[in-house]
Amino acid sequence: MDGQLTQYLAVLILLGVAIAFAAGMLIFSKVIGKRAKGEPIKDTAYECGMLPEGAGVPRMSVKFYLVAMLFILFDIEVVFLFPWAVVYKEMLAENAPLIFGSMISFLGILFVGYIYALKKKAFDWKN
């Protein structure tokens, strides 16, 4: 039992040092740090001489995230298709109908998903 705990001693020491360092920096900046007592205009963000107006990050439409997720989905399809296409001749010699059928079913399921996304107008950016 003691042998197993000593294996994790270095990790626990590193964790303790990391927590102590983070806490120390926070405390050090709070105690030693100097607060600005100037005008509030000096604390505003400066960018190209313009005063900041509005929100820092504009809100994005849900359609943007939906299209991004669909892009990732169909991009992963290519990731699965590429290795299959590379070794297709070798696999074809072993069991051609099973190999070809499994890939056609995979592409069929993804094609049905693509048609569903088109019918739901998931790719329409204007709405």
N, C-alpha and C. Protein backbone atom coordinates (compact mmCIF):
# COMPACT_ATOMS: atom_id res chain seq x y z
N MET A 1 0.83 -1.20 0.00
CA MET A 1 0.00 0.00 0.00
C MET A 1 0.86 1.25 0.00
N ASP A 2 1.90 1.27 0.81
CA ASP A 2 2.76 2.45 0.86
C ASP A 2 3.53 2.63 -0.44
N GLY A 3 3.87 1.54 -1.12
CA GLY A 3 4.58 1.64 -2.38
C GLY A 3 3.75 2.33 -3.44
N GLN A 4 2.45 2.06 -3.46
CA GLN A 4 1.60 2.70 -4.44
C GLN A 4 1.43 4.19 -4.16
N LEU A 5 1.35 4.56 -2.90
CA LEU A 5 1.19 5.97 -2.56
C LEU A 5 2.45 6.78 -2.85
N THR A 6 3.60 6.18 -2.70
CA THR A 6 4.84 6.92 -2.97
C THR A 6 5.00 7.20 -4.46
N GLN A 7 4.37 6.41 -5.31
CA GLN A 7 4.45 6.67 -6.74
C GLN A 7 3.72 7.98 -7.09
N TYR A 8 2.72 8.33 -6.35
CA TYR A 8 1.95 9.54 -6.61
C TYR A 8 2.46 10.74 -5.81
N LEU A 9 3.49 10.56 -5.03
CA LEU A 9 4.01 11.65 -4.21
C LEU A 9 4.49 12.83 -5.06
N ALA A 10 5.18 12.55 -6.16
CA ALA A 10 5.68 13.63 -7.02
C ALA A 10 4.51 14.41 -7.64
N VAL A 11 3.44 13.71 -8.02
CA VAL A 11 2.28 14.38 -8.59
C VAL A 11 1.61 15.25 -7.54
N LEU A 12 1.49 14.75 -6.32
CA LEU A 12 0.89 15.54 -5.24
C LEU A 12 1.73 16.76 -4.90
N ILE A 13 3.04 16.61 -4.92
CA ILE A 13 3.92 17.75 -4.65
C ILE A 13 3.76 18.80 -5.76
N LEU A 14 3.73 18.35 -7.02
CA LEU A 14 3.54 19.27 -8.13
C LEU A 14 2.20 19.98 -8.03
N LEU A 15 1.14 19.27 -7.66
CA LEU A 15 -0.17 19.87 -7.50
C LEU A 15 -0.15 20.91 -6.38
N GLY A 16 0.50 20.59 -5.28
CA GLY A 16 0.62 21.53 -4.17
C GLY A 16 1.38 22.78 -4.56
N VAL A 17 2.47 22.61 -5.30
CA VAL A 17 3.26 23.76 -5.74
C VAL A 17 2.44 24.63 -6.70
N ALA A 18 1.69 24.01 -7.61
CA ALA A 18 0.88 24.76 -8.56
C ALA A 18 -0.20 25.56 -7.84
N ILE A 19 -0.88 24.95 -6.88
CA ILE A 19 -1.92 25.65 -6.13
C ILE A 19 -1.32 26.77 -5.29
N ALA A 20 -0.18 26.50 -4.65
CA ALA A 20 0.48 27.52 -3.84
C ALA A 20 0.95 28.69 -4.70
N PHE A 21 1.47 28.38 -5.90
CA PHE A 21 1.93 29.44 -6.80
C PHE A 21 0.76 30.32 -7.25
N ALA A 22 -0.35 29.69 -7.64
CA ALA A 22 -1.50 30.45 -8.10
C ALA A 22 -2.07 31.31 -6.96
N ALA A 23 -2.23 30.70 -5.79
CA ALA A 23 -2.75 31.45 -4.64
C ALA A 23 -1.79 32.57 -4.24
N GLY A 24 -0.51 32.28 -4.27
CA GLY A 24 0.49 33.29 -3.92
C GLY A 24 0.46 34.48 -4.85
N MET A 25 0.33 34.22 -6.15
CA MET A 25 0.27 35.32 -7.11
C MET A 25 -0.98 36.17 -6.91
N LEU A 26 -2.11 35.53 -6.63
CA LEU A 26 -3.33 36.29 -6.38
C LEU A 26 -3.21 37.14 -5.13
N ILE A 27 -2.71 36.55 -4.07
CA ILE A 27 -2.55 37.29 -2.82
C ILE A 27 -1.52 38.40 -2.98
N PHE A 28 -0.40 38.09 -3.65
CA PHE A 28 0.66 39.07 -3.85
C PHE A 28 0.15 40.27 -4.66
N SER A 29 -0.61 40.02 -5.69
CA SER A 29 -1.12 41.14 -6.50
C SER A 29 -2.16 41.95 -5.74
N LYS A 30 -2.91 41.31 -4.87
CA LYS A 30 -3.92 42.02 -4.10
C LYS A 30 -3.28 42.90 -3.02
N VAL A 31 -2.28 42.36 -2.34
CA VAL A 31 -1.65 43.08 -1.23
C VAL A 31 -0.68 44.14 -1.72
N ILE A 32 0.18 43.76 -2.63
CA ILE A 32 1.24 44.66 -3.06
C ILE A 32 0.80 45.57 -4.21
N GLY A 33 -0.15 45.11 -5.00
CA GLY A 33 -0.55 45.86 -6.19
C GLY A 33 -1.07 47.24 -5.88
N LYS A 34 -0.78 48.17 -6.77
CA LYS A 34 -1.18 49.55 -6.57
C LYS A 34 -2.48 49.81 -7.32
N ARG A 35 -3.44 50.36 -6.66
CA ARG A 35 -4.71 50.71 -7.28
C ARG A 35 -4.59 52.08 -7.94
N ALA A 36 -5.15 52.18 -9.13
CA ALA A 36 -5.14 53.46 -9.82
C ALA A 36 -6.16 54.39 -9.17
N LYS A 37 -5.73 55.60 -8.88
CA LYS A 37 -6.61 56.57 -8.26
C LYS A 37 -6.88 57.72 -9.22
N GLY A 38 -6.68 57.46 -10.50
CA GLY A 38 -6.86 58.51 -11.50
C GLY A 38 -8.29 58.56 -11.98
N GLU A 39 -8.44 59.14 -13.14
CA GLU A 39 -9.76 59.31 -13.72
C GLU A 39 -10.26 57.98 -14.29
N PRO A 40 -11.58 57.80 -14.34
CA PRO A 40 -12.12 56.55 -14.91
C PRO A 40 -11.82 56.40 -16.40
N ILE A 41 -11.57 57.49 -17.10
CA ILE A 41 -11.27 57.40 -18.52
C ILE A 41 -9.95 56.67 -18.76
N LYS A 42 -9.05 56.72 -17.78
CA LYS A 42 -7.77 56.04 -17.93
C LYS A 42 -7.91 54.52 -17.82
N ASP A 43 -8.99 54.06 -17.22
CA ASP A 43 -9.20 52.62 -17.06
C ASP A 43 -9.97 52.00 -18.23
N THR A 44 -10.41 52.81 -19.18
CA THR A 44 -11.15 52.25 -20.31
C THR A 44 -10.17 51.63 -21.31
N ALA A 45 -10.67 50.71 -22.10
CA ALA A 45 -9.84 50.07 -23.11
C ALA A 45 -9.53 51.06 -24.21
N TYR A 46 -8.31 51.02 -24.71
CA TYR A 46 -7.91 51.92 -25.79
C TYR A 46 -7.69 51.11 -27.05
N GLU A 47 -8.40 51.49 -28.11
CA GLU A 47 -8.22 50.80 -29.38
C GLU A 47 -8.39 51.81 -30.50
N CYS A 48 -7.33 52.10 -31.17
CA CYS A 48 -7.34 52.99 -32.35
C CYS A 48 -7.89 54.38 -32.04
N GLY A 49 -7.84 54.81 -30.82
CA GLY A 49 -8.31 56.13 -30.48
C GLY A 49 -9.82 56.28 -30.39
N MET A 50 -10.55 55.21 -30.57
CA MET A 50 -12.01 55.26 -30.52
C MET A 50 -12.50 54.83 -29.14
N LEU A 51 -13.55 55.47 -28.67
CA LEU A 51 -14.13 55.03 -27.41
C LEU A 51 -14.91 53.74 -27.63
N PRO A 52 -14.77 52.78 -26.72
CA PRO A 52 -15.49 51.52 -26.92
C PRO A 52 -16.98 51.71 -26.72
N GLU A 53 -17.76 51.18 -27.65
CA GLU A 53 -19.21 51.26 -27.57
C GLU A 53 -19.81 49.89 -27.80
N GLY A 54 -20.84 49.58 -27.09
CA GLY A 54 -21.54 48.32 -27.31
C GLY A 54 -20.85 47.14 -26.65
N ALA A 55 -21.37 45.96 -26.96
CA ALA A 55 -20.84 44.74 -26.37
C ALA A 55 -19.50 44.40 -27.01
N GLY A 56 -18.65 43.75 -26.25
CA GLY A 56 -17.34 43.36 -26.75
C GLY A 56 -17.42 42.26 -27.79
N VAL A 57 -18.32 41.33 -27.61
CA VAL A 57 -18.47 40.22 -28.53
C VAL A 57 -19.90 40.24 -29.06
N PRO A 58 -20.07 40.39 -30.38
CA PRO A 58 -21.44 40.40 -30.91
C PRO A 58 -22.07 39.02 -30.82
N ARG A 59 -23.36 38.98 -30.67
CA ARG A 59 -24.08 37.71 -30.58
C ARG A 59 -24.17 37.10 -31.97
N MET A 60 -23.93 35.81 -32.01
CA MET A 60 -24.01 35.09 -33.28
C MET A 60 -25.33 34.36 -33.35
N SER A 61 -25.82 34.19 -34.57
CA SER A 61 -27.07 33.47 -34.78
C SER A 61 -26.87 31.99 -34.48
N VAL A 62 -27.94 31.35 -34.07
CA VAL A 62 -27.90 29.91 -33.81
C VAL A 62 -27.60 29.16 -35.11
N LYS A 63 -28.02 29.71 -36.23
CA LYS A 63 -27.76 29.08 -37.53
C LYS A 63 -26.26 28.92 -37.77
N PHE A 64 -25.46 29.88 -37.32
CA PHE A 64 -24.02 29.78 -37.50
C PHE A 64 -23.48 28.54 -36.80
N TYR A 65 -23.89 28.31 -35.57
CA TYR A 65 -23.41 27.15 -34.82
C TYR A 65 -23.96 25.85 -35.40
N LEU A 66 -25.18 25.89 -35.90
CA LEU A 66 -25.76 24.70 -36.52
C LEU A 66 -24.98 24.32 -37.78
N VAL A 67 -24.67 25.29 -38.61
CA VAL A 67 -23.90 25.01 -39.82
C VAL A 67 -22.49 24.54 -39.45
N ALA A 68 -21.91 25.11 -38.42
CA ALA A 68 -20.58 24.67 -37.98
C ALA A 68 -20.61 23.22 -37.52
N MET A 69 -21.63 22.84 -36.78
CA MET A 69 -21.73 21.46 -36.31
C MET A 69 -21.98 20.50 -37.48
N LEU A 70 -22.78 20.92 -38.44
CA LEU A 70 -23.00 20.09 -39.62
C LEU A 70 -21.72 19.95 -40.44
N PHE A 71 -20.94 21.02 -40.52
CA PHE A 71 -19.66 20.94 -41.22
C PHE A 71 -18.75 19.93 -40.54
N ILE A 72 -18.70 19.95 -39.22
CA ILE A 72 -17.86 18.99 -38.50
C ILE A 72 -18.35 17.58 -38.76
N LEU A 73 -19.65 17.38 -38.76
CA LEU A 73 -20.21 16.05 -39.01
C LEU A 73 -19.80 15.53 -40.37
N PHE A 74 -19.95 16.33 -41.41
CA PHE A 74 -19.61 15.86 -42.75
C PHE A 74 -18.10 15.84 -42.98
N ASP A 75 -17.36 16.61 -42.23
CA ASP A 75 -15.90 16.54 -42.30
C ASP A 75 -15.41 15.23 -41.71
N ILE A 76 -16.03 14.79 -40.64
CA ILE A 76 -15.66 13.50 -40.05
C ILE A 76 -15.99 12.37 -41.00
N GLU A 77 -17.02 12.54 -41.82
CA GLU A 77 -17.33 11.53 -42.83
C GLU A 77 -16.14 11.34 -43.76
N VAL A 78 -15.52 12.41 -44.18
CA VAL A 78 -14.35 12.31 -45.06
C VAL A 78 -13.20 11.62 -44.33
N VAL A 79 -13.07 11.88 -43.05
CA VAL A 79 -12.01 11.23 -42.28
C VAL A 79 -12.21 9.72 -42.27
N PHE A 80 -13.45 9.25 -42.23
CA PHE A 80 -13.71 7.82 -42.28
C PHE A 80 -13.60 7.27 -43.70
N LEU A 81 -13.89 8.07 -44.71
CA LEU A 81 -13.84 7.60 -46.09
C LEU A 81 -12.42 7.46 -46.62
N PHE A 82 -11.53 8.33 -46.21
CA PHE A 82 -10.18 8.32 -46.78
C PHE A 82 -9.43 7.02 -46.53
N PRO A 83 -9.34 6.52 -45.30
CA PRO A 83 -8.61 5.25 -45.11
C PRO A 83 -9.30 4.09 -45.83
N TRP A 84 -10.62 4.14 -45.90
CA TRP A 84 -11.34 3.08 -46.60
C TRP A 84 -10.97 3.09 -48.07
N ALA A 85 -10.87 4.27 -48.66
CA ALA A 85 -10.53 4.36 -50.08
C ALA A 85 -9.09 3.94 -50.34
N VAL A 86 -8.21 4.16 -49.41
CA VAL A 86 -6.80 3.82 -49.60
C VAL A 86 -6.61 2.30 -49.66
N VAL A 87 -7.30 1.57 -48.81
CA VAL A 87 -7.12 0.11 -48.76
C VAL A 87 -8.27 -0.63 -49.43
N TYR A 88 -9.01 0.06 -50.30
CA TYR A 88 -10.20 -0.55 -50.92
C TYR A 88 -9.84 -1.78 -51.76
N LYS A 89 -8.76 -1.71 -52.54
CA LYS A 89 -8.39 -2.84 -53.41
C LYS A 89 -8.03 -4.07 -52.59
N GLU A 90 -7.31 -3.86 -51.49
CA GLU A 90 -6.94 -4.98 -50.64
C GLU A 90 -8.17 -5.60 -49.98
N MET A 91 -9.08 -4.77 -49.53
CA MET A 91 -10.29 -5.27 -48.89
C MET A 91 -11.20 -5.95 -49.91
N LEU A 92 -11.20 -5.46 -51.13
CA LEU A 92 -12.06 -6.00 -52.16
C LEU A 92 -11.72 -7.45 -52.48
N ALA A 93 -10.44 -7.80 -52.38
CA ALA A 93 -10.01 -9.18 -52.66
C ALA A 93 -10.52 -10.14 -51.59
N GLU A 94 -10.72 -9.68 -50.38
CA GLU A 94 -11.13 -10.57 -49.29
C GLU A 94 -12.64 -10.81 -49.29
N ASN A 95 -13.44 -9.77 -49.18
CA ASN A 95 -14.88 -9.93 -49.06
C ASN A 95 -15.56 -8.71 -49.68
N ALA A 96 -15.67 -8.72 -50.98
CA ALA A 96 -16.13 -7.54 -51.72
C ALA A 96 -17.54 -7.09 -51.36
N PRO A 97 -18.55 -7.98 -51.36
CA PRO A 97 -19.91 -7.48 -51.11
C PRO A 97 -20.09 -6.89 -49.71
N LEU A 98 -19.47 -7.49 -48.72
CA LEU A 98 -19.61 -6.99 -47.35
C LEU A 98 -18.95 -5.62 -47.20
N ILE A 99 -17.75 -5.49 -47.74
CA ILE A 99 -17.01 -4.23 -47.63
C ILE A 99 -17.75 -3.11 -48.37
N PHE A 100 -18.16 -3.39 -49.60
CA PHE A 100 -18.84 -2.37 -50.39
C PHE A 100 -20.21 -2.03 -49.78
N GLY A 101 -20.92 -3.03 -49.31
CA GLY A 101 -22.23 -2.80 -48.70
C GLY A 101 -22.16 -1.98 -47.43
N SER A 102 -21.15 -2.24 -46.62
CA SER A 102 -21.03 -1.47 -45.37
C SER A 102 -20.74 0.00 -45.67
N MET A 103 -19.91 0.27 -46.70
CA MET A 103 -19.62 1.66 -47.03
C MET A 103 -20.83 2.34 -47.66
N ILE A 104 -21.58 1.61 -48.48
CA ILE A 104 -22.78 2.20 -49.08
C ILE A 104 -23.82 2.52 -47.99
N SER A 105 -23.95 1.64 -47.00
CA SER A 105 -24.89 1.91 -45.91
C SER A 105 -24.44 3.12 -45.07
N PHE A 106 -23.13 3.24 -44.87
CA PHE A 106 -22.58 4.39 -44.15
C PHE A 106 -22.88 5.68 -44.90
N LEU A 107 -22.61 5.67 -46.20
CA LEU A 107 -22.88 6.86 -47.01
C LEU A 107 -24.38 7.12 -47.12
N GLY A 108 -25.18 6.07 -47.15
CA GLY A 108 -26.63 6.25 -47.22
C GLY A 108 -27.18 6.94 -45.99
N ILE A 109 -26.72 6.53 -44.82
CA ILE A 109 -27.17 7.16 -43.57
C ILE A 109 -26.77 8.63 -43.55
N LEU A 110 -25.55 8.93 -43.97
CA LEU A 110 -25.11 10.33 -43.99
C LEU A 110 -25.86 11.13 -45.05
N PHE A 111 -26.19 10.50 -46.17
CA PHE A 111 -26.96 11.20 -47.21
C PHE A 111 -28.37 11.51 -46.72
N VAL A 112 -28.98 10.59 -45.99
CA VAL A 112 -30.30 10.84 -45.41
C VAL A 112 -30.23 12.01 -44.42
N GLY A 113 -29.17 12.05 -43.63
CA GLY A 113 -28.98 13.18 -42.70
C GLY A 113 -28.79 14.49 -43.43
N TYR A 114 -28.08 14.44 -44.55
CA TYR A 114 -27.88 15.65 -45.36
C TYR A 114 -29.20 16.13 -45.96
N ILE A 115 -29.99 15.22 -46.47
CA ILE A 115 -31.30 15.58 -47.04
C ILE A 115 -32.21 16.14 -45.94
N TYR A 116 -32.16 15.54 -44.75
CA TYR A 116 -32.95 16.04 -43.62
C TYR A 116 -32.55 17.47 -43.28
N ALA A 117 -31.24 17.74 -43.26
CA ALA A 117 -30.76 19.09 -42.95
C ALA A 117 -31.19 20.08 -44.03
N LEU A 118 -31.20 19.64 -45.29
CA LEU A 118 -31.66 20.51 -46.36
C LEU A 118 -33.15 20.80 -46.24
N LYS A 119 -33.95 19.79 -45.92
CA LYS A 119 -35.40 19.99 -45.79
C LYS A 119 -35.73 20.90 -44.61
N LYS A 120 -34.96 20.81 -43.55
CA LYS A 120 -35.18 21.68 -42.38
C LYS A 120 -34.57 23.06 -42.57
N LYS A 121 -33.96 23.29 -43.73
CA LYS A 121 -33.32 24.55 -44.07
C LYS A 121 -32.22 24.94 -43.06
N ALA A 122 -31.45 23.93 -42.68
CA ALA A 122 -30.37 24.17 -41.72
C ALA A 122 -29.22 24.95 -42.34
N PHE A 123 -29.10 24.90 -43.67
CA PHE A 123 -28.02 25.60 -44.35
C PHE A 123 -28.42 26.99 -44.82
N ASP A 124 -29.64 27.41 -44.56
CA ASP A 124 -30.13 28.72 -44.98
C ASP A 124 -29.68 29.77 -43.97
N TRP A 125 -28.78 30.64 -44.38
CA TRP A 125 -28.21 31.64 -43.49
C TRP A 125 -29.12 32.83 -43.29
N LYS A 126 -30.05 33.05 -44.18
CA LYS A 126 -30.82 34.28 -44.14
C LYS A 126 -31.93 34.27 -43.09
N ASN A 127 -32.40 33.12 -42.69
CA ASN A 127 -33.51 33.05 -41.71
C ASN A 127 -32.99 32.91 -40.31
